[in-house]
Amino acid sequence: MDAEKGSTPVNDVLVTGGTGVLGRAVVTELLARGHSVRVLSRHAGARVPAGVRLFTGDLATGTGLAEAVPGADTVLHCASDPRRYREVDVPGTRRLIEAAAATRPHLVHISIVGCDRIPYGYYRTKTESERLIAESGLPWSVLRATQFHELVLTIAHAVSRLPVVLLPRGLRDQPVDVRDVAPRLVDLVESGPRGRAPDLGGPEVLTAEDIVRALARARGRRVRIVTFPLAGKVYAGLRAGRHLVTDGETGTRTFADHLAQHVHGGGVDLPYRLR
């Protein structure tokens, strides 16, 4: 469906993972720009904003895709499960591509900066998903982003439960806000297929010690940090900064901004669960 002449065409966009941390921000951005939105969720009773069509389905099994995909101009693929990535990410992306083969929507995918340069299992599945999309024959775009503030905060909170915090030496991160990621993804929806878009990172690179101390300050606590070296290719890749944005774009919202919004009265908002 087209909007008035001279304005951005209105897209019918299916968002996989549309009720997750990033997905909710993406849905909000799409609606703000006047697009028609449908969401794929495993939960039949999932809450979505007014006007959003909810489709129940599961990428792990392929159920619901035949109903959700047809009619969409764009499929914005945000669904992922780090705890079940072997069952969800690559097989689910393959099933999504198969469901889209007949109607050929623009497939927009969110991936991770450095996923092809750090030999971590979950990162490897993101690289493989990228490959499947690029070789699918569908029009496609992929945006790689650094770790979201929510995940960095969850990890920092998990390791900070004792007065003495043990941290691997020399680690840095560049956390990005999902409210900075969502507009970039919707830009891709509106601009059409771009292949690999410029990587997106947060506005600052922080050491692991910086992150833990910032959380402690926000909670009004004192913390002692002890660092230690690790071995292995994953640790070497992280120490080398292969997960950081060196030639791309950056957001504007800092980790301190996120803490100010999500740490309050000693409590911490933690949307993610770790293993």
C-alpha atoms as a PDB file:
ATOM      1  CA  MET A   1       0.000   0.000   0.000  1.00  0.00           C
ATOM      2  CA  ASP A   2       1.349   3.438  -0.939  1.00  0.00           C
ATOM      3  CA  ALA A   3       1.053   6.646   1.020  1.00  0.00           C
ATOM      4  CA  GLU A   4       0.403   9.993  -0.622  1.00  0.00           C
ATOM      5  CA  LYS A   5       2.726  11.026  -3.416  1.00  0.00           C
ATOM      6  CA  GLY A   6       5.999  12.450  -2.125  1.00  0.00           C
ATOM      7  CA  SER A   7       5.883  10.638   1.205  1.00  0.00           C
ATOM      8  CA  THR A   8       7.507   7.387   2.309  1.00  0.00           C
ATOM      9  CA  PRO A   9       5.547   4.340   1.062  1.00  0.00           C
ATOM     10  CA  VAL A  10       3.697   2.507   3.789  1.00  0.00           C
ATOM     11  CA  ASN A  11       5.045  -1.004   4.303  1.00  0.00           C
ATOM     12  CA  ASP A  12       3.252  -4.001   5.725  1.00  0.00           C
ATOM     13  CA  VAL A  13       5.974  -5.307   8.045  1.00  0.00           C
ATOM     14  CA  LEU A  14       6.121  -8.630   9.854  1.00  0.00           C
ATOM     15  CA  VAL A  15       8.377  -8.460  12.924  1.00  0.00           C
ATOM     16  CA  THR A  16       9.650 -11.783  14.245  1.00  0.00           C
ATOM     17  CA  GLY A  17      10.482 -11.509  17.927  1.00  0.00           C
ATOM     18  CA  GLY A  18       8.273  -8.446  18.037  1.00  0.00           C
ATOM     19  CA  THR A  19       7.543  -8.813  21.759  1.00  0.00           C
ATOM     20  CA  GLY A  20      11.224  -8.988  22.770  1.00  0.00           C
ATOM     21  CA  VAL A  21      13.508  -6.196  23.977  1.00  0.00           C
ATOM     22  CA  LEU A  22      14.499  -5.051  20.484  1.00  0.00           C
ATOM     23  CA  GLY A  23      11.250  -6.124  18.852  1.00  0.00           C
ATOM     24  CA  ARG A  24       9.133  -3.834  21.023  1.00  0.00           C
ATOM     25  CA  ALA A  25      11.323  -0.862  20.145  1.00  0.00           C
ATOM     26  CA  VAL A  26      11.107  -1.757  16.454  1.00  0.00           C
ATOM     27  CA  VAL A  27       7.311  -2.053  16.558  1.00  0.00           C
ATOM     28  CA  THR A  28       7.074   1.329  18.279  1.00  0.00           C
ATOM     29  CA  GLU A  29       9.285   2.924  15.619  1.00  0.00           C
ATOM     30  CA  LEU A  30       7.353   1.336  12.749  1.00  0.00           C
ATOM     31  CA  LEU A  31       4.031   2.554  14.122  1.00  0.00           C
ATOM     32  CA  ALA A  32       5.424   6.053  14.695  1.00  0.00           C
ATOM     33  CA  ARG A  33       6.353   6.190  11.005  1.00  0.00           C
ATOM     34  CA  GLY A  34       2.930   5.042   9.878  1.00  0.00           C
ATOM     35  CA  HIS A  35       3.692   1.503   8.768  1.00  0.00           C
ATOM     36  CA  SER A  36       1.317  -1.437   9.042  1.00  0.00           C
ATOM     37  CA  VAL A  37       2.696  -3.925  11.555  1.00  0.00           C
ATOM     38  CA  ARG A  38       2.185  -7.592  12.262  1.00  0.00           C
ATOM     39  CA  VAL A  39       4.087  -9.529  14.956  1.00  0.00           C
ATOM     40  CA  LEU A  40       5.026 -13.193  15.135  1.00  0.00           C
ATOM     41  CA  SER A  41       5.133 -14.525  18.701  1.00  0.00           C
ATOM     42  CA  ARG A  42       5.192 -17.972  20.297  1.00  0.00           C
ATOM     43  CA  HIS A  43       2.663 -16.743  22.851  1.00  0.00           C
ATOM     44  CA  ALA A  44      -0.962 -16.555  21.751  1.00  0.00           C
ATOM     45  CA  GLY A  45      -1.794 -14.028  24.456  1.00  0.00           C
ATOM     46  CA  ALA A  46       1.183 -11.742  23.876  1.00  0.00           C
ATOM     47  CA  ARG A  47       0.487  -8.060  24.380  1.00  0.00           C
ATOM     48  CA  VAL A  48       0.977  -5.874  21.330  1.00  0.00           C
ATOM     49  CA  PRO A  49       0.082  -2.218  20.719  1.00  0.00           C
ATOM     50  CA  ALA A  50      -3.316  -1.316  19.328  1.00  0.00           C
ATOM     51  CA  GLY A  51      -3.519  -1.815  15.596  1.00  0.00           C
ATOM     52  CA  VAL A  52      -0.785  -4.471  15.483  1.00  0.00           C
ATOM     53  CA  ARG A  53      -1.826  -7.874  14.163  1.00  0.00           C
ATOM     54  CA  LEU A  54      -0.588 -10.778  16.277  1.00  0.00           C
ATOM     55  CA  PHE A  55       0.267 -14.095  14.646  1.00  0.00           C
ATOM     56  CA  THR A  56       1.087 -17.076  16.820  1.00  0.00           C
ATOM     57  CA  GLY A  57       3.976 -19.154  15.526  1.00  0.00           C
ATOM     58  CA  ASP A  58       7.319 -20.706  16.323  1.00  0.00           C
ATOM     59  CA  LEU A  59      10.453 -20.491  14.208  1.00  0.00           C
ATOM     60  CA  ALA A  60      11.789 -23.615  15.912  1.00  0.00           C
ATOM     61  CA  THR A  61       9.001 -25.694  14.376  1.00  0.00           C
ATOM     62  CA  GLY A  62       7.808 -23.501  11.511  1.00  0.00           C
ATOM     63  CA  THR A  63       4.239 -23.381  12.820  1.00  0.00           C
ATOM     64  CA  GLY A  64       2.347 -20.198  11.979  1.00  0.00           C
ATOM     65  CA  LEU A  65       4.754 -18.969   9.287  1.00  0.00           C
ATOM     66  CA  ALA A  66       2.422 -19.872   6.430  1.00  0.00           C
ATOM     67  CA  GLU A  67      -0.180 -17.561   7.952  1.00  0.00           C
ATOM     68  CA  ALA A  68       2.106 -14.728   9.105  1.00  0.00           C
ATOM     69  CA  VAL A  69       4.398 -14.158   6.103  1.00  0.00           C
ATOM     70  CA  PRO A  70       2.083 -13.846   3.037  1.00  0.00           C
ATOM     71  CA  GLY A  71       1.102 -10.239   2.387  1.00  0.00           C
ATOM     72  CA  ALA A  72       4.078  -8.720   4.178  1.00  0.00           C
ATOM     73  CA  ASP A  73       6.203  -6.334   2.103  1.00  0.00           C
ATOM     74  CA  THR A  74       9.062  -6.673   4.596  1.00  0.00           C
ATOM     75  CA  VAL A  75       9.996  -9.298   7.172  1.00  0.00           C
ATOM     76  CA  LEU A  76      12.062  -7.729   9.956  1.00  0.00           C
ATOM     77  CA  HIS A  77      13.755 -10.710  11.568  1.00  0.00           C
ATOM     78  CA  CYS A  78      14.535  -9.894  15.229  1.00  0.00           C
ATOM     79  CA  ALA A  79      13.795 -13.298  16.753  1.00  0.00           C
ATOM     80  CA  SER A  80      16.704 -15.077  18.415  1.00  0.00           C
ATOM     81  CA  ASP A  81      17.264 -17.333  21.413  1.00  0.00           C
ATOM     82  CA  PRO A  82      20.810 -17.462  22.837  1.00  0.00           C
ATOM     83  CA  ARG A  83      19.719 -20.258  25.166  1.00  0.00           C
ATOM     84  CA  ARG A  84      18.354 -22.431  22.306  1.00  0.00           C
ATOM     85  CA  TYR A  85      20.268 -21.058  19.367  1.00  0.00           C
ATOM     86  CA  ARG A  86      20.984 -24.468  17.823  1.00  0.00           C
ATOM     87  CA  GLU A  87      17.241 -25.155  17.584  1.00  0.00           C
ATOM     88  CA  VAL A  88      16.010 -21.630  16.827  1.00  0.00           C
ATOM     89  CA  ASP A  89      18.415 -19.310  15.049  1.00  0.00           C
ATOM     90  CA  VAL A  90      19.701 -21.142  11.977  1.00  0.00           C
ATOM     91  CA  PRO A  91      16.817 -23.613  11.510  1.00  0.00           C
ATOM     92  CA  GLY A  92      14.328 -20.826  12.192  1.00  0.00           C
ATOM     93  CA  THR A  93      15.947 -18.500   9.673  1.00  0.00           C
ATOM     94  CA  ARG A  94      15.895 -21.298   7.106  1.00  0.00           C
ATOM     95  CA  ARG A  95      12.177 -21.901   7.718  1.00  0.00           C
ATOM     96  CA  LEU A  96      11.463 -18.193   7.477  1.00  0.00           C
ATOM     97  CA  ILE A  97      13.244 -18.011   4.112  1.00  0.00           C
ATOM     98  CA  GLU A  98      11.257 -21.000   2.855  1.00  0.00           C
ATOM     99  CA  ALA A  99       7.984 -19.395   3.957  1.00  0.00           C
ATOM    100  CA  ALA A 100       8.944 -16.167   2.129  1.00  0.00           C
ATOM    101  CA  ALA A 101      10.068 -17.828  -1.108  1.00  0.00           C
ATOM    102  CA  ALA A 102       6.745 -17.482  -2.910  1.00  0.00           C
ATOM    103  CA  THR A 103       6.012 -13.828  -2.097  1.00  0.00           C
ATOM    104  CA  ARG A 104       9.642 -12.550  -1.890  1.00  0.00           C
ATOM    105  CA  PRO A 105       9.408  -9.827   0.780  1.00  0.00           C
ATOM    106  CA  HIS A 106      12.439  -7.748   1.713  1.00  0.00           C
ATOM    107  CA  LEU A 107      14.144  -9.643   4.551  1.00  0.00           C
ATOM    108  CA  VAL A 108      15.833  -7.394   7.135  1.00  0.00           C
ATOM    109  CA  HIS A 109      17.920  -9.123   9.790  1.00  0.00           C
ATOM    110  CA  ILE A 110      19.652  -7.965  12.968  1.00  0.00           C
ATOM    111  CA  SER A 111      23.015  -9.616  13.660  1.00  0.00           C
ATOM    112  CA  ILE A 112      26.037  -9.046  15.923  1.00  0.00           C
ATOM    113  CA  VAL A 113      29.213  -7.066  15.298  1.00  0.00           C
ATOM    114  CA  GLY A 114      32.176  -9.424  15.073  1.00  0.00           C
ATOM    115  CA  CYS A 115      30.091 -12.589  14.794  1.00  0.00           C
ATOM    116  CA  ASP A 116      32.371 -13.852  12.015  1.00  0.00           C
ATOM    117  CA  ARG A 117      35.561 -12.955  13.899  1.00  0.00           C
ATOM    118  CA  ILE A 118      34.952 -14.534  17.329  1.00  0.00           C
ATOM    119  CA  PRO A 119      34.556 -18.344  17.463  1.00  0.00           C
ATOM    120  CA  TYR A 120      31.726 -18.391  20.001  1.00  0.00           C
ATOM    121  CA  GLY A 121      28.895 -20.847  19.329  1.00  0.00           C
ATOM    122  CA  TYR A 122      26.052 -18.334  19.352  1.00  0.00           C
ATOM    123  CA  TYR A 123      28.041 -15.939  17.159  1.00  0.00           C
ATOM    124  CA  ARG A 124      28.639 -18.727  14.657  1.00  0.00           C
ATOM    125  CA  THR A 125      24.903 -19.241  14.294  1.00  0.00           C
ATOM    126  CA  LYS A 126      24.453 -15.534  13.571  1.00  0.00           C
ATOM    127  CA  THR A 127      27.106 -15.777  10.852  1.00  0.00           C
ATOM    128  CA  GLU A 128      25.393 -18.821   9.385  1.00  0.00           C
ATOM    129  CA  SER A 129      22.017 -17.052   9.463  1.00  0.00           C
ATOM    130  CA  GLU A 130      23.569 -14.131   7.585  1.00  0.00           C
ATOM    131  CA  ARG A 131      24.893 -16.544   4.960  1.00  0.00           C
ATOM    132  CA  LEU A 132      21.500 -18.185   4.510  1.00  0.00           C
ATOM    133  CA  ILE A 133      19.864 -14.794   4.020  1.00  0.00           C
ATOM    134  CA  ALA A 134      22.498 -13.566   1.550  1.00  0.00           C
ATOM    135  CA  GLU A 135      22.165 -16.757  -0.512  1.00  0.00           C
ATOM    136  CA  SER A 136      18.365 -16.984  -0.262  1.00  0.00           C
ATOM    137  CA  GLY A 137      17.577 -15.185  -3.497  1.00  0.00           C
ATOM    138  CA  LEU A 138      15.343 -12.796  -1.527  1.00  0.00           C
ATOM    139  CA  PRO A 139      15.970  -9.043  -1.387  1.00  0.00           C
ATOM    140  CA  TRP A 140      17.838  -8.586   1.897  1.00  0.00           C
ATOM    141  CA  SER A 141      19.549  -6.287   4.363  1.00  0.00           C
ATOM    142  CA  VAL A 142      21.622  -7.155   7.445  1.00  0.00           C
ATOM    143  CA  LEU A 143      22.514  -4.777  10.266  1.00  0.00           C
ATOM    144  CA  ARG A 144      25.130  -5.849  12.792  1.00  0.00           C
ATOM    145  CA  ALA A 145      24.941  -4.163  16.206  1.00  0.00           C
ATOM    146  CA  THR A 146      26.994  -4.408  19.372  1.00  0.00           C
ATOM    147  CA  GLN A 147      25.541  -5.810  22.604  1.00  0.00           C
ATOM    148  CA  PHE A 148      22.406  -4.135  23.925  1.00  0.00           C
ATOM    149  CA  HIS A 149      22.454  -2.189  27.181  1.00  0.00           C
ATOM    150  CA  GLU A 150      19.962  -4.658  28.661  1.00  0.00           C
ATOM    151  CA  LEU A 151      22.280  -7.646  28.203  1.00  0.00           C
ATOM    152  CA  VAL A 152      25.355  -5.797  29.467  1.00  0.00           C
ATOM    153  CA  LEU A 153      23.431  -4.678  32.557  1.00  0.00           C
ATOM    154  CA  THR A 154      22.160  -8.211  33.187  1.00  0.00           C
ATOM    155  CA  ILE A 155      25.674  -9.654  33.053  1.00  0.00           C
ATOM    156  CA  ALA A 156      27.116  -6.869  35.208  1.00  0.00           C
ATOM    157  CA  HIS A 157      24.406  -7.435  37.790  1.00  0.00           C
ATOM    158  CA  ALA A 158      25.026 -11.200  37.813  1.00  0.00           C
ATOM    159  CA  VAL A 159      28.755 -10.860  38.487  1.00  0.00           C
ATOM    160  CA  SER A 160      28.330  -8.098  41.091  1.00  0.00           C
ATOM    161  CA  ARG A 161      26.413  -9.957  43.751  1.00  0.00           C
ATOM    162  CA  LEU A 162      29.420 -10.294  46.065  1.00  0.00           C
ATOM    163  CA  PRO A 163      31.596  -7.474  47.474  1.00  0.00           C
ATOM    164  CA  VAL A 164      34.565  -8.786  45.459  1.00  0.00           C
ATOM    165  CA  VAL A 165      33.933  -9.010  41.711  1.00  0.00           C
ATOM    166  CA  LEU A 166      36.112 -11.245  39.543  1.00  0.00           C
ATOM    167  CA  LEU A 167      36.454 -10.068  35.933  1.00  0.00           C
ATOM    168  CA  PRO A 168      38.435 -11.355  32.944  1.00  0.00           C
ATOM    169  CA  ARG A 169      41.294  -8.961  32.286  1.00  0.00           C
ATOM    170  CA  GLY A 170      41.310  -6.578  29.337  1.00  0.00           C
ATOM    171  CA  LEU A 171      37.693  -6.929  28.205  1.00  0.00           C
ATOM    172  CA  ARG A 172      35.856  -4.006  26.644  1.00  0.00           C
ATOM    173  CA  ASP A 173      32.356  -3.507  25.315  1.00  0.00           C
ATOM    174  CA  GLN A 174      30.436  -0.912  23.302  1.00  0.00           C
ATOM    175  CA  PRO A 175      26.846  -1.288  24.499  1.00  0.00           C
ATOM    176  CA  VAL A 176      24.127   0.189  22.331  1.00  0.00           C
ATOM    177  CA  ASP A 177      20.570   1.218  23.145  1.00  0.00           C
ATOM    178  CA  VAL A 178      17.760  -0.603  21.331  1.00  0.00           C
ATOM    179  CA  ARG A 179      16.137   2.798  20.792  1.00  0.00           C
ATOM    180  CA  ASP A 180      19.157   3.645  18.628  1.00  0.00           C
ATOM    181  CA  VAL A 181      19.059   0.286  16.836  1.00  0.00           C
ATOM    182  CA  ALA A 182      15.348   0.329  16.005  1.00  0.00           C
ATOM    183  CA  PRO A 183      15.448   3.478  13.823  1.00  0.00           C
ATOM    184  CA  ARG A 184      18.344   2.046  11.780  1.00  0.00           C
ATOM    185  CA  LEU A 185      16.346  -1.111  11.111  1.00  0.00           C
ATOM    186  CA  VAL A 186      13.279   0.858  10.085  1.00  0.00           C
ATOM    187  CA  ASP A 187      15.473   3.013   7.841  1.00  0.00           C
ATOM    188  CA  LEU A 188      16.379  -0.230   6.046  1.00  0.00           C
ATOM    189  CA  VAL A 189      12.703  -1.135   5.752  1.00  0.00           C
ATOM    190  CA  GLU A 190      12.089   2.195   4.051  1.00  0.00           C
ATOM    191  CA  SER A 191      15.219   2.362   1.885  1.00  0.00           C
ATOM    192  CA  GLY A 192      14.920  -1.137   0.444  1.00  0.00           C
ATOM    193  CA  PRO A 193      17.536  -3.903   0.175  1.00  0.00           C
ATOM    194  CA  ARG A 194      21.109  -2.856   1.007  1.00  0.00           C
ATOM    195  CA  GLY A 195      22.924  -6.105   1.728  1.00  0.00           C
ATOM    196  CA  ARG A 196      25.314  -5.457   4.630  1.00  0.00           C
ATOM    197  CA  ALA A 197      24.509  -2.094   6.199  1.00  0.00           C
ATOM    198  CA  PRO A 198      27.163  -0.189   8.186  1.00  0.00           C
ATOM    199  CA  ASP A 199      27.737  -1.704  11.639  1.00  0.00           C
ATOM    200  CA  LEU A 200      26.145   0.061  14.597  1.00  0.00           C
ATOM    201  CA  GLY A 201      27.686   0.421  18.050  1.00  0.00           C
ATOM    202  CA  GLY A 202      27.109   2.407  21.191  1.00  0.00           C
ATOM    203  CA  PRO A 203      28.562   5.898  21.645  1.00  0.00           C
ATOM    204  CA  GLU A 204      31.396   4.760  23.949  1.00  0.00           C
ATOM    205  CA  VAL A 205      33.749   1.843  24.541  1.00  0.00           C
ATOM    206  CA  LEU A 206      33.847   0.785  28.200  1.00  0.00           C
ATOM    207  CA  THR A 207      36.042  -1.668  30.051  1.00  0.00           C
ATOM    208  CA  ALA A 208      34.391  -4.418  32.086  1.00  0.00           C
ATOM    209  CA  GLU A 209      35.597  -2.588  35.182  1.00  0.00           C
ATOM    210  CA  ASP A 210      33.952   0.649  33.985  1.00  0.00           C
ATOM    211  CA  ILE A 211      30.644  -1.161  33.563  1.00  0.00           C
ATOM    212  CA  VAL A 212      30.667  -2.846  36.982  1.00  0.00           C
ATOM    213  CA  ARG A 213      31.713   0.348  38.772  1.00  0.00           C
ATOM    214  CA  ALA A 214      28.993   2.336  36.994  1.00  0.00           C
ATOM    215  CA  LEU A 215      26.375  -0.151  38.163  1.00  0.00           C
ATOM    216  CA  ALA A 216      27.734  -0.058  41.724  1.00  0.00           C
ATOM    217  CA  ARG A 217      27.559   3.756  41.774  1.00  0.00           C
ATOM    218  CA  ALA A 218      24.013   3.723  40.436  1.00  0.00           C
ATOM    219  CA  ARG A 219      23.020   1.349  43.241  1.00  0.00           C
ATOM    220  CA  GLY A 220      24.896   3.313  45.916  1.00  0.00           C
ATOM    221  CA  ARG A 221      27.271   0.464  46.636  1.00  0.00           C
ATOM    222  CA  ARG A 222      31.009  -0.059  46.898  1.00  0.00           C
ATOM    223  CA  VAL A 223      32.747  -2.816  45.023  1.00  0.00           C
ATOM    224  CA  ARG A 224      36.218  -4.303  44.834  1.00  0.00           C
ATOM    225  CA  ILE A 225      37.299  -5.675  41.440  1.00  0.00           C
ATOM    226  CA  VAL A 226      39.917  -8.344  40.851  1.00  0.00           C
ATOM    227  CA  THR A 227      40.906  -9.136  37.258  1.00  0.00           C
ATOM    228  CA  PHE A 228      42.429 -12.349  35.948  1.00  0.00           C
ATOM    229  CA  PRO A 229      43.557 -13.623  32.540  1.00  0.00           C
ATOM    230  CA  LEU A 230      41.722 -16.256  30.502  1.00  0.00           C
ATOM    231  CA  ALA A 231      42.862 -18.517  27.690  1.00  0.00           C
ATOM    232  CA  GLY A 232      41.179 -19.494  24.456  1.00  0.00           C
ATOM    233  CA  LYS A 233      40.236 -18.082  21.060  1.00  0.00           C
ATOM    234  CA  VAL A 234      36.990 -16.476  22.214  1.00  0.00           C
ATOM    235  CA  TYR A 235      38.759 -14.530  24.967  1.00  0.00           C
ATOM    236  CA  ALA A 236      41.538 -13.557  22.550  1.00  0.00           C
ATOM    237  CA  GLY A 237      38.975 -12.232  20.069  1.00  0.00           C
ATOM    238  CA  LEU A 238      37.215 -10.192  22.724  1.00  0.00           C
ATOM    239  CA  ARG A 239      40.492  -8.768  24.066  1.00  0.00           C
ATOM    240  CA  ALA A 240      41.414  -7.795  20.498  1.00  0.00           C
ATOM    241  CA  GLY A 241      38.160  -5.843  20.220  1.00  0.00           C
ATOM    242  CA  ARG A 242      36.811  -7.794  17.254  1.00  0.00           C
ATOM    243  CA  HIS A 243      33.279  -7.191  18.577  1.00  0.00           C
ATOM    244  CA  LEU A 244      33.656  -3.390  18.545  1.00  0.00           C
ATOM    245  CA  VAL A 245      32.667  -0.966  15.795  1.00  0.00           C
ATOM    246  CA  THR A 246      35.742   0.499  14.138  1.00  0.00           C
ATOM    247  CA  ASP A 247      34.202   1.529  10.808  1.00  0.00           C
ATOM    248  CA  GLY A 248      30.491   2.131  11.111  1.00  0.00           C
ATOM    249  CA  GLU A 249      27.918   4.215  12.944  1.00  0.00           C
ATOM    250  CA  THR A 250      27.241   4.898  16.617  1.00  0.00           C
ATOM    251  CA  GLY A 251      24.158   5.592  18.665  1.00  0.00           C
ATOM    252  CA  THR A 252      23.672   8.427  21.127  1.00  0.00           C
ATOM    253  CA  ARG A 253      22.349   6.889  24.360  1.00  0.00           C
ATOM    254  CA  THR A 254      25.082   5.920  26.830  1.00  0.00           C
ATOM    255  CA  PHE A 255      25.195   3.087  29.342  1.00  0.00           C
ATOM    256  CA  ALA A 256      24.934   5.723  32.097  1.00  0.00           C
ATOM    257  CA  ASP A 257      21.689   6.914  30.479  1.00  0.00           C
ATOM    258  CA  HIS A 258      20.385   3.362  30.606  1.00  0.00           C
ATOM    259  CA  LEU A 259      21.353   2.934  34.256  1.00  0.00           C
ATOM    260  CA  ALA A 260      19.611   6.182  35.183  1.00  0.00           C
ATOM    261  CA  GLN A 261      16.389   4.797  33.723  1.00  0.00           C
ATOM    262  CA  HIS A 262      16.595   1.184  34.883  1.00  0.00           C
ATOM    263  CA  VAL A 263      18.296   1.256  38.300  1.00  0.00           C
ATOM    264  CA  HIS A 264      16.084   2.672  41.030  1.00  0.00           C
ATOM    265  CA  GLY A 265      15.832   2.328  44.796  1.00  0.00           C
ATOM    266  CA  GLY A 266      18.404  -0.445  44.809  1.00  0.00           C
ATOM    267  CA  GLY A 267      16.392  -2.431  42.242  1.00  0.00           C
ATOM    268  CA  VAL A 268      17.480  -3.237  38.702  1.00  0.00           C
ATOM    269  CA  ASP A 269      15.266  -3.877  35.658  1.00  0.00           C
ATOM    270  CA  LEU A 270      16.540  -7.119  34.081  1.00  0.00           C
ATOM    271  CA  PRO A 271      14.587  -8.231  30.996  1.00  0.00           C
ATOM    272  CA  TYR A 272      17.008 -11.052  30.132  1.00  0.00           C
ATOM    273  CA  ARG A 273      17.606 -14.356  31.861  1.00  0.00           C
ATOM    274  CA  LEU A 274      21.065 -15.896  31.843  1.00  0.00           C
ATOM    275  CA  ARG A 275      21.684 -19.638  31.645  1.00  0.00           C
END
